[in-house]
Amino acid sequence: MSIIASFIIAFILATMPLSSALGDISIPWVAVVLAYWCANSPEKMSVVSAWLVGLFFDISMGAILGQHALGFALVAYLILIYQHRLKFAPLAQQILFITLVILLYRTLAWQIYYSFGSVNYSVAYIWSAFFAPIVWAVISITFHSRFPKRRF
């Protein structure tokens, strides 16, 4: 239930407009929440579930169908591959890895936008991936204190 609730909150935050002073910058809430759950609960999140989240995100944002689905599947794949290393890495290394993965996702999404010419996003869309470390740190600290892992 906490996974669904966190995705609902992430979808709400993703659809909320930011200040006009920030321009095209949008914080990748859903991608970071997806990365968090793939890293900390891989038995509940998979590449297929990430793809479904991406399809729902495409529909809710009015984007090209499959664009975010492909990006979220890529994020889930990379996080699930390195999940064991990421789980035990210090927060600084986690932040660096998440930044690179989200930067790759944003670059892919921007390239799809650019290829189809549907929306004119500036390079600020890619640079907004650098907000991911802040979101990752907040989510990690909040969720780890709220949903501690049980050891059996």
N, C-alpha and C. Protein backbone atom coordinates (compact mmCIF):
# COMPACT_ATOMS: atom_id res chain seq x y z
N MET A 1 0.82 -1.20 0.00
CA MET A 1 0.00 0.00 0.00
C MET A 1 0.86 1.26 0.00
N SER A 2 2.00 1.19 0.69
CA SER A 2 2.86 2.38 0.76
C SER A 2 3.47 2.68 -0.60
N ILE A 3 3.68 1.65 -1.42
CA ILE A 3 4.23 1.88 -2.76
C ILE A 3 3.23 2.65 -3.61
N ILE A 4 1.99 2.22 -3.58
CA ILE A 4 0.95 2.89 -4.36
C ILE A 4 0.74 4.32 -3.88
N ALA A 5 0.71 4.50 -2.57
CA ALA A 5 0.53 5.85 -2.01
C ALA A 5 1.68 6.77 -2.40
N SER A 6 2.90 6.25 -2.38
CA SER A 6 4.04 7.10 -2.75
C SER A 6 4.01 7.46 -4.23
N PHE A 7 3.54 6.54 -5.08
CA PHE A 7 3.42 6.86 -6.50
C PHE A 7 2.30 7.88 -6.74
N ILE A 8 1.22 7.78 -6.00
CA ILE A 8 0.14 8.76 -6.15
C ILE A 8 0.64 10.15 -5.77
N ILE A 9 1.36 10.23 -4.66
CA ILE A 9 1.92 11.52 -4.25
C ILE A 9 2.91 12.03 -5.29
N ALA A 10 3.75 11.14 -5.84
CA ALA A 10 4.71 11.54 -6.86
C ALA A 10 4.00 12.03 -8.12
N PHE A 11 2.90 11.37 -8.52
CA PHE A 11 2.14 11.82 -9.68
C PHE A 11 1.54 13.19 -9.43
N ILE A 12 1.02 13.41 -8.25
CA ILE A 12 0.45 14.73 -7.92
C ILE A 12 1.51 15.80 -7.97
N LEU A 13 2.68 15.51 -7.38
CA LEU A 13 3.77 16.49 -7.39
C LEU A 13 4.30 16.74 -8.80
N ALA A 14 4.29 15.71 -9.64
CA ALA A 14 4.78 15.87 -11.01
C ALA A 14 3.84 16.72 -11.86
N THR A 15 2.55 16.68 -11.56
CA THR A 15 1.60 17.45 -12.35
C THR A 15 1.42 18.88 -11.84
N MET A 16 1.91 19.15 -10.65
CA MET A 16 1.80 20.51 -10.11
C MET A 16 2.77 21.44 -10.82
N PRO A 17 2.31 22.60 -11.26
CA PRO A 17 3.22 23.52 -11.93
C PRO A 17 4.18 24.17 -10.94
N LEU A 18 5.41 24.37 -11.40
CA LEU A 18 6.40 25.06 -10.58
C LEU A 18 6.36 26.55 -10.90
N SER A 19 7.14 27.30 -10.22
CA SER A 19 7.21 28.73 -10.43
C SER A 19 7.66 29.04 -11.85
N SER A 20 7.16 30.12 -12.41
CA SER A 20 7.56 30.48 -13.77
C SER A 20 9.02 30.91 -13.83
N ALA A 21 9.61 31.23 -12.70
CA ALA A 21 11.03 31.59 -12.67
C ALA A 21 11.93 30.40 -12.99
N LEU A 22 11.42 29.19 -12.78
CA LEU A 22 12.21 27.99 -13.04
C LEU A 22 12.17 27.57 -14.51
N GLY A 23 11.25 28.10 -15.28
CA GLY A 23 11.19 27.80 -16.70
C GLY A 23 10.77 26.36 -16.97
N ASP A 24 11.57 25.65 -17.77
CA ASP A 24 11.26 24.27 -18.17
C ASP A 24 11.69 23.25 -17.15
N ILE A 25 12.22 23.68 -16.05
CA ILE A 25 12.72 22.72 -15.05
C ILE A 25 11.53 22.04 -14.39
N SER A 26 11.58 20.72 -14.39
CA SER A 26 10.56 19.93 -13.70
C SER A 26 11.28 18.84 -12.92
N ILE A 27 10.89 18.67 -11.70
CA ILE A 27 11.55 17.70 -10.84
C ILE A 27 11.05 16.30 -11.19
N PRO A 28 11.95 15.33 -11.38
CA PRO A 28 11.54 13.97 -11.77
C PRO A 28 11.05 13.14 -10.58
N TRP A 29 9.93 13.53 -10.00
CA TRP A 29 9.42 12.88 -8.81
C TRP A 29 9.16 11.39 -9.02
N VAL A 30 8.45 11.07 -10.08
CA VAL A 30 8.03 9.68 -10.31
C VAL A 30 9.24 8.79 -10.57
N ALA A 31 10.20 9.27 -11.32
CA ALA A 31 11.39 8.48 -11.62
C ALA A 31 12.21 8.20 -10.35
N VAL A 32 12.30 9.17 -9.48
CA VAL A 32 13.07 8.98 -8.25
C VAL A 32 12.34 8.03 -7.30
N VAL A 33 11.03 8.16 -7.20
CA VAL A 33 10.26 7.23 -6.36
C VAL A 33 10.36 5.81 -6.92
N LEU A 34 10.29 5.68 -8.23
CA LEU A 34 10.47 4.38 -8.87
C LEU A 34 11.85 3.80 -8.56
N ALA A 35 12.87 4.62 -8.66
CA ALA A 35 14.23 4.16 -8.36
C ALA A 35 14.34 3.73 -6.89
N TYR A 36 13.71 4.48 -6.01
CA TYR A 36 13.76 4.13 -4.59
C TYR A 36 13.14 2.75 -4.34
N TRP A 37 11.96 2.52 -4.89
CA TRP A 37 11.29 1.25 -4.63
C TRP A 37 11.98 0.09 -5.34
N CYS A 38 12.58 0.34 -6.48
CA CYS A 38 13.35 -0.73 -7.14
C CYS A 38 14.59 -1.09 -6.33
N ALA A 39 15.20 -0.11 -5.71
CA ALA A 39 16.41 -0.37 -4.92
C ALA A 39 16.09 -1.01 -3.58
N ASN A 40 14.99 -0.65 -2.97
CA ASN A 40 14.71 -1.09 -1.61
C ASN A 40 13.66 -2.19 -1.51
N SER A 41 12.94 -2.44 -2.57
CA SER A 41 11.94 -3.49 -2.54
C SER A 41 11.86 -4.15 -3.93
N PRO A 42 12.94 -4.81 -4.36
CA PRO A 42 12.96 -5.37 -5.72
C PRO A 42 11.98 -6.52 -5.93
N GLU A 43 11.53 -7.12 -4.84
CA GLU A 43 10.55 -8.20 -4.99
C GLU A 43 9.17 -7.67 -5.36
N LYS A 44 8.94 -6.39 -5.16
CA LYS A 44 7.64 -5.79 -5.48
C LYS A 44 7.66 -4.95 -6.75
N MET A 45 8.84 -4.52 -7.16
CA MET A 45 8.97 -3.68 -8.36
C MET A 45 9.79 -4.42 -9.40
N SER A 46 9.37 -4.32 -10.65
CA SER A 46 10.10 -4.96 -11.74
C SER A 46 10.14 -4.01 -12.92
N VAL A 47 10.78 -4.44 -13.97
CA VAL A 47 10.84 -3.63 -15.19
C VAL A 47 9.44 -3.50 -15.79
N VAL A 48 8.66 -4.55 -15.70
CA VAL A 48 7.29 -4.51 -16.24
C VAL A 48 6.42 -3.54 -15.45
N SER A 49 6.52 -3.57 -14.12
CA SER A 49 5.72 -2.63 -13.33
C SER A 49 6.20 -1.19 -13.57
N ALA A 50 7.50 -1.00 -13.78
CA ALA A 50 8.00 0.34 -14.11
C ALA A 50 7.46 0.79 -15.46
N TRP A 51 7.38 -0.13 -16.40
CA TRP A 51 6.83 0.19 -17.71
C TRP A 51 5.36 0.58 -17.59
N LEU A 52 4.60 -0.12 -16.76
CA LEU A 52 3.19 0.22 -16.55
C LEU A 52 3.03 1.58 -15.88
N VAL A 53 3.89 1.87 -14.91
CA VAL A 53 3.88 3.20 -14.28
C VAL A 53 4.18 4.26 -15.33
N GLY A 54 5.13 3.97 -16.22
CA GLY A 54 5.46 4.90 -17.29
C GLY A 54 4.32 5.13 -18.26
N LEU A 55 3.60 4.06 -18.60
CA LEU A 55 2.43 4.23 -19.48
C LEU A 55 1.36 5.10 -18.83
N PHE A 56 1.13 4.86 -17.54
CA PHE A 56 0.16 5.69 -16.83
C PHE A 56 0.64 7.14 -16.77
N PHE A 57 1.94 7.33 -16.60
CA PHE A 57 2.49 8.68 -16.58
C PHE A 57 2.36 9.35 -17.94
N ASP A 58 2.58 8.59 -19.02
CA ASP A 58 2.40 9.13 -20.37
C ASP A 58 0.96 9.59 -20.59
N ILE A 59 0.03 8.75 -20.16
CA ILE A 59 -1.38 9.10 -20.32
C ILE A 59 -1.75 10.32 -19.50
N SER A 60 -1.29 10.37 -18.25
CA SER A 60 -1.66 11.49 -17.38
C SER A 60 -1.00 12.80 -17.80
N MET A 61 0.17 12.73 -18.42
CA MET A 61 0.87 13.95 -18.83
C MET A 61 0.58 14.33 -20.28
N GLY A 62 -0.09 13.45 -21.01
CA GLY A 62 -0.37 13.73 -22.41
C GLY A 62 0.87 13.65 -23.28
N ALA A 63 1.81 12.81 -22.91
CA ALA A 63 3.05 12.66 -23.66
C ALA A 63 2.89 11.60 -24.73
N ILE A 64 3.92 11.42 -25.51
CA ILE A 64 3.93 10.38 -26.54
C ILE A 64 3.82 9.04 -25.82
N LEU A 65 2.88 8.21 -26.24
CA LEU A 65 2.63 6.95 -25.55
C LEU A 65 3.86 6.04 -25.63
N GLY A 66 4.37 5.67 -24.49
CA GLY A 66 5.53 4.80 -24.41
C GLY A 66 6.82 5.51 -24.13
N GLN A 67 6.82 6.83 -24.19
CA GLN A 67 8.05 7.59 -23.99
C GLN A 67 8.57 7.46 -22.58
N HIS A 68 7.77 7.78 -21.60
CA HIS A 68 8.19 7.64 -20.21
C HIS A 68 8.22 6.18 -19.80
N ALA A 69 7.39 5.36 -20.43
CA ALA A 69 7.42 3.93 -20.14
C ALA A 69 8.78 3.34 -20.47
N LEU A 70 9.34 3.73 -21.60
CA LEU A 70 10.67 3.26 -21.97
C LEU A 70 11.72 3.78 -20.99
N GLY A 71 11.62 5.05 -20.63
CA GLY A 71 12.57 5.63 -19.68
C GLY A 71 12.48 5.01 -18.30
N PHE A 72 11.27 4.78 -17.82
CA PHE A 72 11.10 4.17 -16.50
C PHE A 72 11.56 2.72 -16.50
N ALA A 73 11.34 2.01 -17.61
CA ALA A 73 11.84 0.63 -17.70
C ALA A 73 13.36 0.62 -17.66
N LEU A 74 13.99 1.60 -18.31
CA LEU A 74 15.44 1.72 -18.27
C LEU A 74 15.93 2.03 -16.86
N VAL A 75 15.26 2.93 -16.18
CA VAL A 75 15.62 3.26 -14.79
C VAL A 75 15.50 2.01 -13.91
N ALA A 76 14.39 1.31 -14.03
CA ALA A 76 14.18 0.11 -13.21
C ALA A 76 15.23 -0.96 -13.52
N TYR A 77 15.55 -1.14 -14.78
CA TYR A 77 16.54 -2.15 -15.16
C TYR A 77 17.90 -1.82 -14.54
N LEU A 78 18.34 -0.57 -14.68
CA LEU A 78 19.64 -0.20 -14.14
C LEU A 78 19.68 -0.29 -12.62
N ILE A 79 18.61 0.13 -11.97
CA ILE A 79 18.57 0.07 -10.51
C ILE A 79 18.53 -1.38 -10.04
N LEU A 80 17.74 -2.21 -10.70
CA LEU A 80 17.64 -3.61 -10.29
C LEU A 80 18.95 -4.37 -10.53
N ILE A 81 19.68 -4.01 -11.56
CA ILE A 81 20.97 -4.66 -11.83
C ILE A 81 21.96 -4.35 -10.69
N TYR A 82 21.99 -3.10 -10.26
CA TYR A 82 22.95 -2.67 -9.24
C TYR A 82 22.32 -2.53 -7.86
N GLN A 83 21.20 -3.17 -7.66
CA GLN A 83 20.43 -3.01 -6.42
C GLN A 83 21.21 -3.41 -5.19
N HIS A 84 21.93 -4.52 -5.22
CA HIS A 84 22.65 -4.98 -4.04
C HIS A 84 23.79 -4.02 -3.67
N ARG A 85 24.48 -3.52 -4.68
CA ARG A 85 25.56 -2.56 -4.42
C ARG A 85 24.99 -1.24 -3.93
N LEU A 86 23.89 -0.84 -4.51
CA LEU A 86 23.30 0.46 -4.17
C LEU A 86 22.74 0.46 -2.75
N LYS A 87 22.17 -0.65 -2.34
CA LYS A 87 21.54 -0.71 -1.03
C LYS A 87 22.55 -0.49 0.10
N PHE A 88 23.77 -1.00 -0.08
CA PHE A 88 24.77 -0.91 0.98
C PHE A 88 25.78 0.22 0.76
N ALA A 89 25.60 0.98 -0.28
CA ALA A 89 26.51 2.10 -0.55
C ALA A 89 26.15 3.28 0.35
N PRO A 90 27.13 4.12 0.64
CA PRO A 90 26.83 5.33 1.40
C PRO A 90 25.90 6.26 0.60
N LEU A 91 25.24 7.14 1.30
CA LEU A 91 24.26 8.02 0.66
C LEU A 91 24.88 8.84 -0.47
N ALA A 92 26.12 9.28 -0.32
CA ALA A 92 26.77 10.08 -1.36
C ALA A 92 26.94 9.28 -2.65
N GLN A 93 27.30 8.01 -2.55
CA GLN A 93 27.43 7.18 -3.75
C GLN A 93 26.06 6.87 -4.35
N GLN A 94 25.07 6.67 -3.51
CA GLN A 94 23.71 6.46 -4.02
C GLN A 94 23.26 7.68 -4.81
N ILE A 95 23.52 8.85 -4.28
CA ILE A 95 23.11 10.10 -4.93
C ILE A 95 23.79 10.23 -6.29
N LEU A 96 25.07 9.92 -6.37
CA LEU A 96 25.79 10.01 -7.63
C LEU A 96 25.20 9.04 -8.66
N PHE A 97 24.95 7.81 -8.26
CA PHE A 97 24.39 6.81 -9.18
C PHE A 97 22.99 7.20 -9.62
N ILE A 98 22.16 7.63 -8.70
CA ILE A 98 20.79 8.03 -9.05
C ILE A 98 20.81 9.23 -9.99
N THR A 99 21.70 10.17 -9.76
CA THR A 99 21.80 11.33 -10.64
C THR A 99 22.14 10.89 -12.06
N LEU A 100 23.08 9.97 -12.20
CA LEU A 100 23.45 9.50 -13.54
C LEU A 100 22.31 8.74 -14.21
N VAL A 101 21.59 7.92 -13.45
CA VAL A 101 20.48 7.16 -14.03
C VAL A 101 19.35 8.12 -14.44
N ILE A 102 19.01 9.07 -13.60
CA ILE A 102 17.94 10.02 -13.93
C ILE A 102 18.37 10.92 -15.08
N LEU A 103 19.65 11.27 -15.13
CA LEU A 103 20.16 12.06 -16.25
C LEU A 103 20.04 11.28 -17.56
N LEU A 104 20.31 9.99 -17.53
CA LEU A 104 20.14 9.15 -18.71
C LEU A 104 18.67 9.08 -19.11
N TYR A 105 17.79 8.92 -18.13
CA TYR A 105 16.34 8.88 -18.41
C TYR A 105 15.87 10.20 -19.03
N ARG A 106 16.29 11.32 -18.45
CA ARG A 106 15.86 12.62 -18.97
C ARG A 106 16.41 12.87 -20.37
N THR A 107 17.65 12.44 -20.62
CA THR A 107 18.23 12.60 -21.95
C THR A 107 17.46 11.78 -22.98
N LEU A 108 17.09 10.55 -22.61
CA LEU A 108 16.30 9.70 -23.50
C LEU A 108 14.94 10.32 -23.79
N ALA A 109 14.27 10.80 -22.74
CA ALA A 109 12.94 11.41 -22.92
C ALA A 109 13.04 12.67 -23.78
N TRP A 110 14.08 13.47 -23.56
CA TRP A 110 14.27 14.70 -24.33
C TRP A 110 14.53 14.36 -25.79
N GLN A 111 15.31 13.29 -26.03
CA GLN A 111 15.60 12.89 -27.40
C GLN A 111 14.33 12.41 -28.11
N ILE A 112 13.46 11.73 -27.40
CA ILE A 112 12.20 11.30 -28.00
C ILE A 112 11.32 12.52 -28.30
N TYR A 113 11.27 13.48 -27.36
CA TYR A 113 10.54 14.73 -27.64
C TYR A 113 11.10 15.39 -28.89
N TYR A 114 12.41 15.47 -28.96
CA TYR A 114 13.07 16.16 -30.07
C TYR A 114 12.84 15.43 -31.38
N SER A 115 12.89 14.10 -31.37
CA SER A 115 12.72 13.31 -32.59
C SER A 115 11.32 13.46 -33.19
N PHE A 116 10.32 13.48 -32.34
CA PHE A 116 8.95 13.59 -32.83
C PHE A 116 8.49 15.03 -32.96
N GLY A 117 9.24 15.95 -32.41
CA GLY A 117 8.91 17.36 -32.54
C GLY A 117 7.60 17.74 -31.89
N SER A 118 7.18 16.98 -30.87
CA SER A 118 5.88 17.22 -30.28
C SER A 118 5.88 18.42 -29.34
N VAL A 119 6.91 18.55 -28.57
CA VAL A 119 6.97 19.63 -27.58
C VAL A 119 8.36 20.23 -27.63
N ASN A 120 8.42 21.52 -27.54
CA ASN A 120 9.73 22.18 -27.55
C ASN A 120 10.22 22.39 -26.12
N TYR A 121 11.05 21.47 -25.68
CA TYR A 121 11.68 21.60 -24.37
C TYR A 121 13.09 22.12 -24.57
N SER A 122 13.53 22.92 -23.65
CA SER A 122 14.91 23.40 -23.72
C SER A 122 15.82 22.40 -23.02
N VAL A 123 17.08 22.71 -23.01
CA VAL A 123 18.07 21.85 -22.36
C VAL A 123 17.85 21.86 -20.85
N ALA A 124 17.10 22.80 -20.34
CA ALA A 124 16.79 22.85 -18.91
C ALA A 124 16.03 21.60 -18.47
N TYR A 125 15.33 20.97 -19.40
CA TYR A 125 14.63 19.73 -19.08
C TYR A 125 15.62 18.65 -18.67
N ILE A 126 16.76 18.59 -19.37
CA ILE A 126 17.79 17.61 -19.01
C ILE A 126 18.47 18.02 -17.71
N TRP A 127 18.77 19.29 -17.58
CA TRP A 127 19.47 19.76 -16.38
C TRP A 127 18.61 19.63 -15.13
N SER A 128 17.31 19.49 -15.30
CA SER A 128 16.46 19.31 -14.13
C SER A 128 16.69 17.97 -13.45
N ALA A 129 17.43 17.08 -14.11
CA ALA A 129 17.79 15.80 -13.49
C ALA A 129 18.68 16.01 -12.27
N PHE A 130 19.32 17.16 -12.19
CA PHE A 130 20.19 17.43 -11.05
C PHE A 130 19.41 17.80 -9.79
N PHE A 131 18.08 17.85 -9.90
CA PHE A 131 17.25 17.97 -8.70
C PHE A 131 17.00 16.60 -8.07
N ALA A 132 17.28 15.55 -8.82
CA ALA A 132 17.07 14.18 -8.34
C ALA A 132 17.85 13.86 -7.07
N PRO A 133 19.10 14.33 -6.90
CA PRO A 133 19.80 14.01 -5.65
C PRO A 133 19.10 14.56 -4.41
N ILE A 134 18.54 15.73 -4.53
CA ILE A 134 17.84 16.32 -3.39
C ILE A 134 16.60 15.48 -3.07
N VAL A 135 15.86 15.12 -4.11
CA VAL A 135 14.66 14.31 -3.92
C VAL A 135 15.03 12.93 -3.38
N TRP A 136 16.11 12.33 -3.91
CA TRP A 136 16.54 11.01 -3.44
C TRP A 136 16.90 11.05 -1.96
N ALA A 137 17.63 12.07 -1.54
CA ALA A 137 18.02 12.17 -0.13
C ALA A 137 16.80 12.32 0.76
N VAL A 138 15.86 13.16 0.36
CA VAL A 138 14.65 13.36 1.16
C VAL A 138 13.83 12.08 1.23
N ILE A 139 13.64 11.42 0.08
CA ILE A 139 12.85 10.19 0.05
C ILE A 139 13.53 9.08 0.85
N SER A 140 14.83 8.94 0.68
CA SER A 140 15.55 7.90 1.41
C SER A 140 15.46 8.08 2.90
N ILE A 141 15.69 9.28 3.36
CA ILE A 141 15.65 9.54 4.80
C ILE A 141 14.23 9.38 5.33
N THR A 142 13.24 9.89 4.60
CA THR A 142 11.85 9.80 5.04
C THR A 142 11.35 8.36 5.05
N PHE A 143 11.58 7.64 3.95
CA PHE A 143 11.04 6.28 3.87
C PHE A 143 11.79 5.31 4.77
N HIS A 144 13.08 5.51 4.95
CA HIS A 144 13.82 4.59 5.83
C HIS A 144 13.38 4.73 7.27
N SER A 145 13.03 5.93 7.68
CA SER A 145 12.56 6.11 9.06
C SER A 145 11.10 5.67 9.19
N ARG A 146 10.34 5.79 8.11
CA ARG A 146 8.92 5.45 8.18
C ARG A 146 8.66 3.97 7.95
N PHE A 147 9.41 3.35 7.02
CA PHE A 147 9.22 1.95 6.69
C PHE A 147 10.53 1.20 6.87
N PRO A 148 10.93 0.94 8.10
CA PRO A 148 12.20 0.23 8.29
C PRO A 148 12.10 -1.21 7.81
N LYS A 149 13.23 -1.72 7.32
CA LYS A 149 13.27 -3.10 6.84
C LYS A 149 13.24 -4.04 8.05
N ARG A 150 12.42 -5.05 7.94
CA ARG A 150 12.38 -6.06 9.00
C ARG A 150 13.43 -7.13 8.73
N ARG A 151 14.12 -7.52 9.76
CA ARG A 151 15.14 -8.57 9.64
C ARG A 151 14.59 -9.83 10.28
N PHE A 152 14.66 -10.93 9.57
CA PHE A 152 14.17 -12.20 10.10
C PHE A 152 15.33 -13.13 10.28
